[in-house]
């Protein structure tokens, strides 16, 4: 599995509640990406021991392979997701992670 974790920060003019509503409406766009296995939205409700600003949300996209992600990343559906996110997101960082379940 290939996983992409996005750290998302809202536009400064939006309240947390306004951001949460827009983020919720955004959900169907990443879910429609070609090859996506799973899309998870996580609103941040608090944090501890940060060295930088608190993120407002974490999004997780799962694909079968990195190639599947690369195809999705260059798709019209991804462009639509980026265009929509620009209306409520100020900054985003993407992390490519290798998930391992710990028994």
N, C-alpha and C. Protein backbone atom coordinates (compact mmCIF):
# COMPACT_ATOMS: atom_id res chain seq x y z
N UNK A 1 0.84 -1.17 0.00
CA UNK A 1 0.00 0.00 0.00
C UNK A 1 0.89 1.24 0.00
N UNK A 2 0.41 2.28 -0.67
CA UNK A 2 1.09 3.58 -0.69
C UNK A 2 0.15 4.58 -0.03
N UNK A 3 0.64 5.27 0.99
CA UNK A 3 -0.19 6.20 1.75
C UNK A 3 0.39 7.60 1.67
N UNK A 4 -0.51 8.57 1.50
CA UNK A 4 -0.14 9.98 1.51
C UNK A 4 -0.91 10.64 2.64
N UNK A 5 -0.18 11.33 3.53
CA UNK A 5 -0.77 12.02 4.66
C UNK A 5 -0.58 13.52 4.43
N UNK A 6 -1.68 14.25 4.48
CA UNK A 6 -1.65 15.69 4.25
C UNK A 6 -1.89 16.42 5.57
N UNK A 7 -1.01 17.34 5.90
CA UNK A 7 -1.17 18.25 7.04
C UNK A 7 -1.77 19.53 6.48
N UNK A 8 -2.96 19.89 6.95
CA UNK A 8 -3.73 20.97 6.33
C UNK A 8 -3.96 22.11 7.32
N UNK A 9 -3.74 23.35 6.83
CA UNK A 9 -3.96 24.56 7.62
C UNK A 9 -4.98 25.43 6.91
N UNK A 10 -5.93 25.94 7.67
CA UNK A 10 -7.01 26.75 7.08
C UNK A 10 -6.55 28.15 6.73
N UNK A 11 -7.33 28.79 5.86
CA UNK A 11 -7.12 30.21 5.59
C UNK A 11 -7.35 31.00 6.88
N UNK A 12 -6.54 32.01 7.16
CA UNK A 12 -6.65 32.73 8.44
C UNK A 12 -7.99 33.43 8.63
N UNK A 13 -8.67 33.76 7.56
CA UNK A 13 -9.95 34.46 7.71
C UNK A 13 -11.11 33.53 8.05
N UNK A 14 -10.88 32.22 8.04
CA UNK A 14 -11.93 31.27 8.37
C UNK A 14 -11.86 30.84 9.83
N UNK A 15 -13.02 30.73 10.45
CA UNK A 15 -13.07 30.15 11.79
C UNK A 15 -12.87 28.64 11.66
N UNK A 16 -12.61 28.00 12.78
CA UNK A 16 -12.46 26.54 12.75
C UNK A 16 -13.76 25.89 12.27
N UNK A 17 -14.90 26.44 12.68
CA UNK A 17 -16.19 25.90 12.27
C UNK A 17 -16.43 26.07 10.77
N UNK A 18 -16.08 27.22 10.23
CA UNK A 18 -16.21 27.44 8.78
C UNK A 18 -15.30 26.49 8.01
N UNK A 19 -14.08 26.34 8.50
CA UNK A 19 -13.15 25.41 7.86
C UNK A 19 -13.71 24.00 7.89
N UNK A 20 -14.20 23.56 9.04
CA UNK A 20 -14.73 22.20 9.19
C UNK A 20 -15.86 21.93 8.21
N UNK A 21 -16.72 22.90 8.01
CA UNK A 21 -17.83 22.74 7.07
C UNK A 21 -17.33 22.60 5.64
N UNK A 22 -16.38 23.43 5.25
CA UNK A 22 -15.82 23.38 3.89
C UNK A 22 -15.04 22.08 3.68
N UNK A 23 -14.30 21.67 4.67
CA UNK A 23 -13.52 20.43 4.61
C UNK A 23 -14.44 19.23 4.43
N UNK A 24 -15.55 19.23 5.13
CA UNK A 24 -16.53 18.15 5.00
C UNK A 24 -17.10 18.10 3.58
N UNK A 25 -17.46 19.24 3.03
CA UNK A 25 -18.00 19.29 1.65
C UNK A 25 -16.95 18.90 0.61
N UNK A 26 -15.68 19.06 0.94
CA UNK A 26 -14.58 18.74 0.03
C UNK A 26 -14.41 17.23 -0.14
N UNK A 27 -14.85 16.45 0.84
CA UNK A 27 -14.61 15.01 0.89
C UNK A 27 -14.87 14.21 -0.38
N UNK A 28 -15.97 14.42 -1.08
CA UNK A 28 -16.23 13.61 -2.27
C UNK A 28 -15.19 13.79 -3.39
N UNK A 29 -14.48 14.92 -3.41
CA UNK A 29 -13.51 15.15 -4.49
C UNK A 29 -12.31 14.20 -4.40
N UNK A 30 -11.60 14.13 -3.27
CA UNK A 30 -10.50 13.16 -3.18
C UNK A 30 -11.00 11.71 -3.25
N UNK A 31 -12.19 11.48 -2.74
CA UNK A 31 -12.73 10.11 -2.76
C UNK A 31 -12.94 9.65 -4.20
N UNK A 32 -13.13 10.58 -5.13
CA UNK A 32 -13.37 10.25 -6.53
C UNK A 32 -12.09 10.10 -7.34
N UNK A 33 -10.92 10.25 -6.71
CA UNK A 33 -9.66 10.12 -7.45
C UNK A 33 -9.54 8.72 -8.04
N UNK A 34 -9.03 8.61 -9.26
CA UNK A 34 -8.84 7.29 -9.84
C UNK A 34 -7.84 6.47 -9.02
N UNK A 35 -8.21 5.26 -8.69
CA UNK A 35 -7.31 4.35 -7.99
C UNK A 35 -7.28 4.50 -6.48
N UNK A 36 -7.99 5.46 -5.92
CA UNK A 36 -7.95 5.63 -4.47
C UNK A 36 -8.67 4.46 -3.79
N UNK A 37 -8.02 3.89 -2.79
CA UNK A 37 -8.61 2.79 -2.03
C UNK A 37 -9.41 3.31 -0.84
N UNK A 38 -8.87 4.35 -0.20
CA UNK A 38 -9.48 4.88 1.01
C UNK A 38 -9.10 6.34 1.16
N UNK A 39 -10.05 7.12 1.63
CA UNK A 39 -9.80 8.53 1.95
C UNK A 39 -10.35 8.79 3.35
N UNK A 40 -9.51 9.32 4.22
CA UNK A 40 -9.90 9.58 5.60
C UNK A 40 -9.67 11.05 5.92
N UNK A 41 -10.68 11.69 6.48
CA UNK A 41 -10.55 13.07 6.95
C UNK A 41 -10.46 13.05 8.48
N UNK A 42 -9.53 13.83 9.02
CA UNK A 42 -9.35 13.92 10.48
C UNK A 42 -9.28 15.39 10.86
N UNK A 43 -10.34 15.91 11.48
CA UNK A 43 -10.29 17.27 12.01
C UNK A 43 -9.46 17.24 13.29
N UNK A 44 -8.57 18.18 13.45
CA UNK A 44 -7.75 18.26 14.65
C UNK A 44 -8.58 18.93 15.75
N UNK A 45 -8.71 18.25 16.88
CA UNK A 45 -9.48 18.79 18.00
C UNK A 45 -8.58 19.29 19.13
N UNK A 46 -7.29 19.07 18.98
CA UNK A 46 -6.33 19.52 19.97
C UNK A 46 -4.96 18.97 19.65
N UNK A 47 -3.96 19.45 20.37
CA UNK A 47 -2.59 18.98 20.12
C UNK A 47 -1.76 19.19 21.38
N UNK A 48 -0.55 18.66 21.35
CA UNK A 48 0.34 18.75 22.51
C UNK A 48 1.78 18.75 22.01
N UNK A 49 2.62 19.52 22.68
CA UNK A 49 4.06 19.53 22.42
C UNK A 49 4.42 19.88 20.97
N UNK A 50 3.75 20.86 20.41
CA UNK A 50 4.05 21.29 19.05
C UNK A 50 5.23 22.24 19.01
N UNK A 51 5.99 22.17 17.93
CA UNK A 51 7.08 23.11 17.69
C UNK A 51 6.70 24.14 16.65
N UNK A 52 5.52 23.99 16.05
CA UNK A 52 5.03 24.90 15.04
C UNK A 52 3.54 25.06 15.19
N UNK A 53 2.92 25.72 14.23
CA UNK A 53 1.47 25.94 14.32
C UNK A 53 0.69 24.63 14.20
N UNK A 54 -0.40 24.59 14.95
CA UNK A 54 -1.27 23.41 14.92
C UNK A 54 -1.98 23.30 13.58
N UNK A 55 -1.99 22.12 13.02
CA UNK A 55 -2.76 21.87 11.80
C UNK A 55 -4.24 21.89 12.15
N UNK A 56 -5.07 22.18 11.16
CA UNK A 56 -6.52 22.14 11.35
C UNK A 56 -7.10 20.79 10.99
N UNK A 57 -6.39 20.07 10.13
CA UNK A 57 -6.88 18.76 9.70
C UNK A 57 -5.73 17.92 9.16
N UNK A 58 -5.97 16.63 9.15
CA UNK A 58 -5.07 15.66 8.53
C UNK A 58 -5.93 14.84 7.57
N UNK A 59 -5.49 14.71 6.34
CA UNK A 59 -6.19 13.85 5.38
C UNK A 59 -5.26 12.71 4.99
N UNK A 60 -5.84 11.55 4.77
CA UNK A 60 -5.05 10.37 4.42
C UNK A 60 -5.63 9.73 3.17
N UNK A 61 -4.79 9.54 2.18
CA UNK A 61 -5.17 8.86 0.94
C UNK A 61 -4.38 7.56 0.83
N UNK A 62 -5.06 6.47 0.56
CA UNK A 62 -4.42 5.17 0.37
C UNK A 62 -4.60 4.69 -1.06
N UNK A 63 -3.49 4.20 -1.62
CA UNK A 63 -3.47 3.65 -2.97
C UNK A 63 -2.78 2.29 -2.94
N UNK A 64 -3.02 1.50 -3.93
CA UNK A 64 -2.36 0.19 -4.03
C UNK A 64 -0.85 0.36 -4.21
N UNK A 65 -0.45 1.39 -4.98
CA UNK A 65 0.97 1.57 -5.29
C UNK A 65 1.28 3.05 -5.49
N UNK A 66 2.56 3.36 -5.49
CA UNK A 66 2.98 4.73 -5.77
C UNK A 66 2.61 5.13 -7.20
N UNK A 67 2.70 4.19 -8.13
CA UNK A 67 2.29 4.47 -9.51
C UNK A 67 0.82 4.87 -9.58
N UNK A 68 -0.03 4.18 -8.81
CA UNK A 68 -1.45 4.54 -8.78
C UNK A 68 -1.62 5.96 -8.25
N UNK A 69 -0.86 6.30 -7.22
CA UNK A 69 -0.94 7.66 -6.70
C UNK A 69 -0.47 8.68 -7.75
N UNK A 70 0.62 8.41 -8.40
CA UNK A 70 1.15 9.34 -9.41
C UNK A 70 0.12 9.58 -10.52
N UNK A 71 -0.57 8.51 -10.93
CA UNK A 71 -1.63 8.67 -11.96
C UNK A 71 -2.75 9.55 -11.41
N UNK A 72 -3.17 9.31 -10.19
CA UNK A 72 -4.23 10.11 -9.58
C UNK A 72 -3.79 11.56 -9.43
N UNK A 73 -2.53 11.76 -9.06
CA UNK A 73 -2.01 13.10 -8.83
C UNK A 73 -2.01 13.95 -10.09
N UNK A 74 -1.95 13.32 -11.24
CA UNK A 74 -1.95 14.08 -12.50
C UNK A 74 -3.33 14.08 -13.18
N UNK A 75 -4.35 13.65 -12.47
CA UNK A 75 -5.69 13.53 -13.05
C UNK A 75 -6.48 14.84 -12.95
N UNK A 76 -7.51 14.92 -13.76
CA UNK A 76 -8.44 16.05 -13.70
C UNK A 76 -9.15 16.09 -12.35
N UNK A 77 -9.41 14.93 -11.77
CA UNK A 77 -10.05 14.87 -10.46
C UNK A 77 -9.18 15.49 -9.37
N UNK A 78 -7.87 15.27 -9.44
CA UNK A 78 -6.96 15.88 -8.47
C UNK A 78 -6.91 17.39 -8.67
N UNK A 79 -6.92 17.83 -9.92
CA UNK A 79 -6.93 19.27 -10.17
C UNK A 79 -8.18 19.91 -9.59
N UNK A 80 -9.32 19.23 -9.73
CA UNK A 80 -10.56 19.73 -9.15
C UNK A 80 -10.46 19.80 -7.62
N UNK A 81 -9.83 18.81 -7.00
CA UNK A 81 -9.64 18.80 -5.55
C UNK A 81 -8.73 19.96 -5.13
N UNK A 82 -7.65 20.19 -5.87
CA UNK A 82 -6.75 21.31 -5.57
C UNK A 82 -7.47 22.64 -5.71
N UNK A 83 -8.23 22.79 -6.78
CA UNK A 83 -8.95 24.04 -7.01
C UNK A 83 -9.93 24.32 -5.88
N UNK A 84 -10.65 23.30 -5.43
CA UNK A 84 -11.59 23.47 -4.34
C UNK A 84 -10.86 23.80 -3.04
N UNK A 85 -9.78 23.09 -2.76
CA UNK A 85 -9.03 23.31 -1.51
C UNK A 85 -8.50 24.73 -1.42
N UNK A 86 -8.19 25.33 -2.54
CA UNK A 86 -7.64 26.69 -2.53
C UNK A 86 -8.62 27.69 -1.92
N UNK A 87 -9.91 27.34 -1.83
CA UNK A 87 -10.90 28.25 -1.27
C UNK A 87 -10.99 28.19 0.25
N UNK A 88 -10.27 27.22 0.89
CA UNK A 88 -10.33 27.15 2.35
C UNK A 88 -9.02 26.73 3.01
N UNK A 89 -7.99 26.41 2.22
CA UNK A 89 -6.71 25.94 2.74
C UNK A 89 -5.63 26.99 2.47
N UNK A 90 -4.85 27.31 3.51
CA UNK A 90 -3.74 28.26 3.33
C UNK A 90 -2.42 27.55 3.06
N UNK A 91 -2.26 26.37 3.68
CA UNK A 91 -0.99 25.66 3.55
C UNK A 91 -1.25 24.18 3.73
N UNK A 92 -0.52 23.39 2.96
CA UNK A 92 -0.64 21.93 3.07
C UNK A 92 0.75 21.33 2.86
N UNK A 93 1.04 20.30 3.63
CA UNK A 93 2.27 19.53 3.45
C UNK A 93 1.86 18.09 3.20
N UNK A 94 2.51 17.44 2.25
CA UNK A 94 2.21 16.04 1.93
C UNK A 94 3.37 15.17 2.38
N UNK A 95 3.04 14.07 3.04
CA UNK A 95 4.03 13.10 3.50
C UNK A 95 3.71 11.76 2.87
N UNK A 96 4.70 11.15 2.23
CA UNK A 96 4.55 9.80 1.69
C UNK A 96 5.06 8.86 2.78
N UNK A 97 4.18 8.00 3.26
CA UNK A 97 4.53 7.16 4.41
C UNK A 97 4.38 5.69 4.06
N UNK A 98 5.11 4.88 4.79
CA UNK A 98 5.08 3.44 4.64
C UNK A 98 4.40 2.86 5.88
N UNK A 99 3.08 2.64 5.81
CA UNK A 99 2.37 2.20 7.02
C UNK A 99 2.66 0.76 7.40
N UNK A 100 2.81 0.54 8.68
CA UNK A 100 3.00 -0.81 9.22
C UNK A 100 2.11 -0.96 10.44
N UNK A 101 1.23 -1.93 10.41
CA UNK A 101 0.38 -2.23 11.57
C UNK A 101 1.27 -2.92 12.61
N UNK A 102 1.15 -2.49 13.83
CA UNK A 102 1.92 -3.09 14.92
C UNK A 102 0.99 -4.03 15.69
N UNK A 103 1.34 -5.31 15.72
CA UNK A 103 0.45 -6.25 16.42
C UNK A 103 0.48 -6.07 17.93
